């Protein structure tokens, strides 16, 4: 644990329970935004792969890789 994280952890202990819960909610909301970005990236990747399969590109690429 870095010194900064240890220092923050000590300061969090000084907060009331309600303040700690509010801080936790804020931190979780920040990470959920990142998860939503990752979810969207995965949805985009799935769409790209389905299009490649339907167009035959994915099957051709797999066959070419197998033949090499």
N, C-alpha and C. Protein backbone atom coordinates (compact mmCIF):
# COMPACT_ATOMS: atom_id res chain seq x y z
N UNK A 1 0.87 -1.17 0.00
CA UNK A 1 0.00 0.00 0.00
C UNK A 1 0.91 1.23 0.00
N UNK A 2 0.60 2.16 -0.89
CA UNK A 2 1.41 3.38 -0.95
C UNK A 2 1.14 4.26 0.27
N UNK A 3 2.05 5.18 0.50
CA UNK A 3 1.88 6.10 1.63
C UNK A 3 0.61 6.92 1.49
N UNK A 4 0.29 7.33 0.27
CA UNK A 4 -0.90 8.12 0.05
C UNK A 4 -2.16 7.33 0.40
N UNK A 5 -2.21 6.08 -0.02
CA UNK A 5 -3.38 5.24 0.28
C UNK A 5 -3.49 5.02 1.78
N UNK A 6 -2.38 4.78 2.44
CA UNK A 6 -2.39 4.58 3.89
C UNK A 6 -2.87 5.85 4.60
N UNK A 7 -2.42 6.99 4.12
CA UNK A 7 -2.83 8.27 4.71
C UNK A 7 -4.33 8.49 4.52
N UNK A 8 -4.81 8.20 3.33
CA UNK A 8 -6.25 8.36 3.07
C UNK A 8 -7.06 7.41 3.93
N UNK A 9 -6.59 6.17 4.07
CA UNK A 9 -7.29 5.19 4.90
C UNK A 9 -7.40 5.66 6.35
N UNK A 10 -6.34 6.27 6.85
CA UNK A 10 -6.36 6.78 8.22
C UNK A 10 -7.36 7.93 8.34
N UNK A 11 -7.40 8.79 7.35
CA UNK A 11 -8.34 9.92 7.40
C UNK A 11 -9.78 9.45 7.29
N UNK A 12 -10.01 8.39 6.52
CA UNK A 12 -11.37 7.85 6.39
C UNK A 12 -11.87 7.36 7.74
N UNK A 13 -10.98 6.82 8.55
CA UNK A 13 -11.37 6.34 9.88
C UNK A 13 -11.88 7.46 10.77
N UNK A 14 -11.50 8.70 10.46
CA UNK A 14 -11.94 9.85 11.25
C UNK A 14 -13.35 10.31 10.87
N UNK A 15 -13.84 9.84 9.74
CA UNK A 15 -15.17 10.23 9.29
C UNK A 15 -16.25 9.49 10.07
N UNK A 16 -17.42 10.09 10.12
CA UNK A 16 -18.56 9.40 10.74
C UNK A 16 -18.98 8.25 9.82
N UNK A 17 -19.78 7.36 10.35
CA UNK A 17 -20.26 6.22 9.56
C UNK A 17 -21.03 6.71 8.34
N UNK A 18 -21.87 7.73 8.52
CA UNK A 18 -22.63 8.27 7.39
C UNK A 18 -21.70 8.85 6.32
N UNK A 19 -20.66 9.54 6.76
CA UNK A 19 -19.70 10.11 5.80
C UNK A 19 -18.93 9.01 5.08
N UNK A 20 -18.58 7.96 5.80
CA UNK A 20 -17.88 6.83 5.17
C UNK A 20 -18.77 6.18 4.12
N UNK A 21 -20.04 6.01 4.43
CA UNK A 21 -20.98 5.41 3.48
C UNK A 21 -21.15 6.31 2.26
N UNK A 22 -21.24 7.60 2.47
CA UNK A 22 -21.37 8.54 1.35
C UNK A 22 -20.12 8.47 0.45
N UNK A 23 -18.96 8.41 1.07
CA UNK A 23 -17.71 8.30 0.32
C UNK A 23 -17.68 7.00 -0.48
N UNK A 24 -18.08 5.93 0.15
CA UNK A 24 -18.11 4.63 -0.52
C UNK A 24 -19.05 4.65 -1.73
N UNK A 25 -20.22 5.26 -1.56
CA UNK A 25 -21.16 5.37 -2.69
C UNK A 25 -20.54 6.16 -3.83
N UNK A 26 -19.84 7.25 -3.51
CA UNK A 26 -19.19 8.06 -4.54
C UNK A 26 -18.13 7.23 -5.28
N UNK A 27 -17.33 6.50 -4.54
CA UNK A 27 -16.28 5.68 -5.16
C UNK A 27 -16.87 4.59 -6.03
N UNK A 28 -17.95 3.97 -5.56
CA UNK A 28 -18.59 2.91 -6.36
C UNK A 28 -19.21 3.47 -7.63
N UNK A 29 -19.79 4.66 -7.56
CA UNK A 29 -20.36 5.28 -8.75
C UNK A 29 -19.27 5.54 -9.78
N UNK A 30 -18.12 5.97 -9.34
CA UNK A 30 -17.00 6.22 -10.25
C UNK A 30 -16.57 4.95 -10.95
N UNK A 31 -16.55 3.82 -10.24
CA UNK A 31 -16.14 2.57 -10.87
C UNK A 31 -17.23 2.02 -11.76
N UNK A 32 -18.49 2.30 -11.45
CA UNK A 32 -19.59 1.83 -12.30
C UNK A 32 -19.55 2.50 -13.65
N UNK A 33 -19.13 3.75 -13.71
CA UNK A 33 -19.02 4.44 -14.99
C UNK A 33 -17.99 3.72 -15.86
N UNK A 34 -16.88 3.33 -15.27
CA UNK A 34 -15.87 2.59 -16.01
C UNK A 34 -16.42 1.25 -16.49
N UNK A 35 -17.22 0.58 -15.65
CA UNK A 35 -17.83 -0.68 -16.04
C UNK A 35 -18.78 -0.49 -17.20
N UNK A 36 -19.55 0.60 -17.20
CA UNK A 36 -20.46 0.87 -18.30
C UNK A 36 -19.69 1.06 -19.60
N UNK A 37 -18.54 1.72 -19.53
CA UNK A 37 -17.70 1.89 -20.71
C UNK A 37 -17.21 0.54 -21.21
N UNK A 38 -16.80 -0.32 -20.30
CA UNK A 38 -16.34 -1.66 -20.68
C UNK A 38 -17.49 -2.47 -21.26
N UNK A 39 -18.67 -2.36 -20.66
CA UNK A 39 -19.84 -3.07 -21.18
C UNK A 39 -20.15 -2.64 -22.61
N UNK A 40 -20.07 -1.35 -22.87
CA UNK A 40 -20.34 -0.85 -24.21
C UNK A 40 -19.28 -1.35 -25.19
N UNK A 41 -18.04 -1.38 -24.76
CA UNK A 41 -16.96 -1.88 -25.62
C UNK A 41 -17.19 -3.35 -25.96
N UNK A 42 -17.63 -4.15 -24.98
CA UNK A 42 -17.92 -5.56 -25.26
C UNK A 42 -19.10 -5.70 -26.19
N UNK A 43 -20.14 -4.88 -26.01
CA UNK A 43 -21.30 -4.94 -26.92
C UNK A 43 -20.86 -4.62 -28.35
N UNK A 44 -20.01 -3.60 -28.50
CA UNK A 44 -19.51 -3.23 -29.82
C UNK A 44 -18.70 -4.37 -30.43
N UNK A 45 -17.89 -5.04 -29.61
CA UNK A 45 -17.07 -6.17 -30.10
C UNK A 45 -17.96 -7.32 -30.53
N UNK A 46 -19.00 -7.61 -29.78
CA UNK A 46 -19.92 -8.69 -30.15
C UNK A 46 -20.57 -8.38 -31.49
N UNK A 47 -21.02 -7.16 -31.67
CA UNK A 47 -21.64 -6.76 -32.94
C UNK A 47 -20.64 -6.93 -34.08
N UNK A 48 -19.40 -6.50 -33.85
CA UNK A 48 -18.37 -6.62 -34.89
C UNK A 48 -18.15 -8.08 -35.26
N UNK A 49 -18.08 -8.94 -34.26
CA UNK A 49 -17.83 -10.36 -34.52
C UNK A 49 -19.00 -11.02 -35.22
N UNK A 50 -20.22 -10.69 -34.82
CA UNK A 50 -21.40 -11.26 -35.47
C UNK A 50 -21.43 -10.84 -36.94
N UNK A 51 -21.13 -9.58 -37.22
CA UNK A 51 -21.08 -9.12 -38.61
C UNK A 51 -20.03 -9.88 -39.40
N UNK A 52 -18.86 -10.13 -38.78
CA UNK A 52 -17.79 -10.87 -39.46
C UNK A 52 -18.22 -12.30 -39.75
N UNK A 53 -18.93 -12.91 -38.83
CA UNK A 53 -19.41 -14.28 -39.04
C UNK A 53 -20.44 -14.31 -40.15
N UNK A 54 -21.40 -13.39 -40.11
CA UNK A 54 -22.46 -13.36 -41.13
C UNK A 54 -21.91 -13.07 -42.52
N UNK A 55 -20.88 -12.25 -42.60
CA UNK A 55 -20.31 -11.92 -43.91
C UNK A 55 -19.37 -13.02 -44.42
N UNK A 56 -19.03 -13.97 -43.54
CA UNK A 56 -18.12 -15.03 -43.93
C UNK A 56 -16.67 -14.70 -43.68
N UNK A 57 -16.37 -13.48 -43.31
CA UNK A 57 -15.00 -13.06 -43.07
C UNK A 57 -14.35 -13.86 -41.94
N UNK A 58 -15.09 -14.10 -40.86
CA UNK A 58 -14.53 -14.81 -39.71
C UNK A 58 -14.18 -16.25 -40.09
N UNK A 59 -15.06 -16.91 -40.85
CA UNK A 59 -14.80 -18.29 -41.25
C UNK A 59 -13.59 -18.35 -42.17
N UNK A 60 -13.47 -17.41 -43.08
CA UNK A 60 -12.33 -17.38 -43.99
C UNK A 60 -11.03 -17.14 -43.24
N UNK A 61 -11.06 -16.23 -42.31
CA UNK A 61 -9.86 -15.92 -41.53
C UNK A 61 -9.44 -17.15 -40.71
N UNK A 62 -10.39 -17.84 -40.10
CA UNK A 62 -10.06 -19.02 -39.31
C UNK A 62 -9.48 -20.11 -40.21
N UNK A 63 -10.03 -20.29 -41.39
CA UNK A 63 -9.53 -21.30 -42.33
C UNK A 63 -8.11 -20.94 -42.76
N UNK A 64 -7.88 -19.68 -43.05
CA UNK A 64 -6.54 -19.24 -43.48
C UNK A 64 -5.53 -19.46 -42.36
N UNK A 65 -5.89 -19.16 -41.12
CA UNK A 65 -4.99 -19.36 -39.99
C UNK A 65 -4.70 -20.84 -39.79
N UNK A 66 -5.69 -21.70 -40.00
CA UNK A 66 -5.52 -23.13 -39.83
C UNK A 66 -4.59 -23.68 -40.90
N UNK A 67 -4.71 -23.16 -42.13
CA UNK A 67 -3.88 -23.65 -43.23
C UNK A 67 -2.43 -23.21 -43.10
N UNK A 68 -2.17 -22.10 -42.42
CA UNK A 68 -0.78 -21.61 -42.26
C UNK A 68 -0.04 -22.39 -41.29
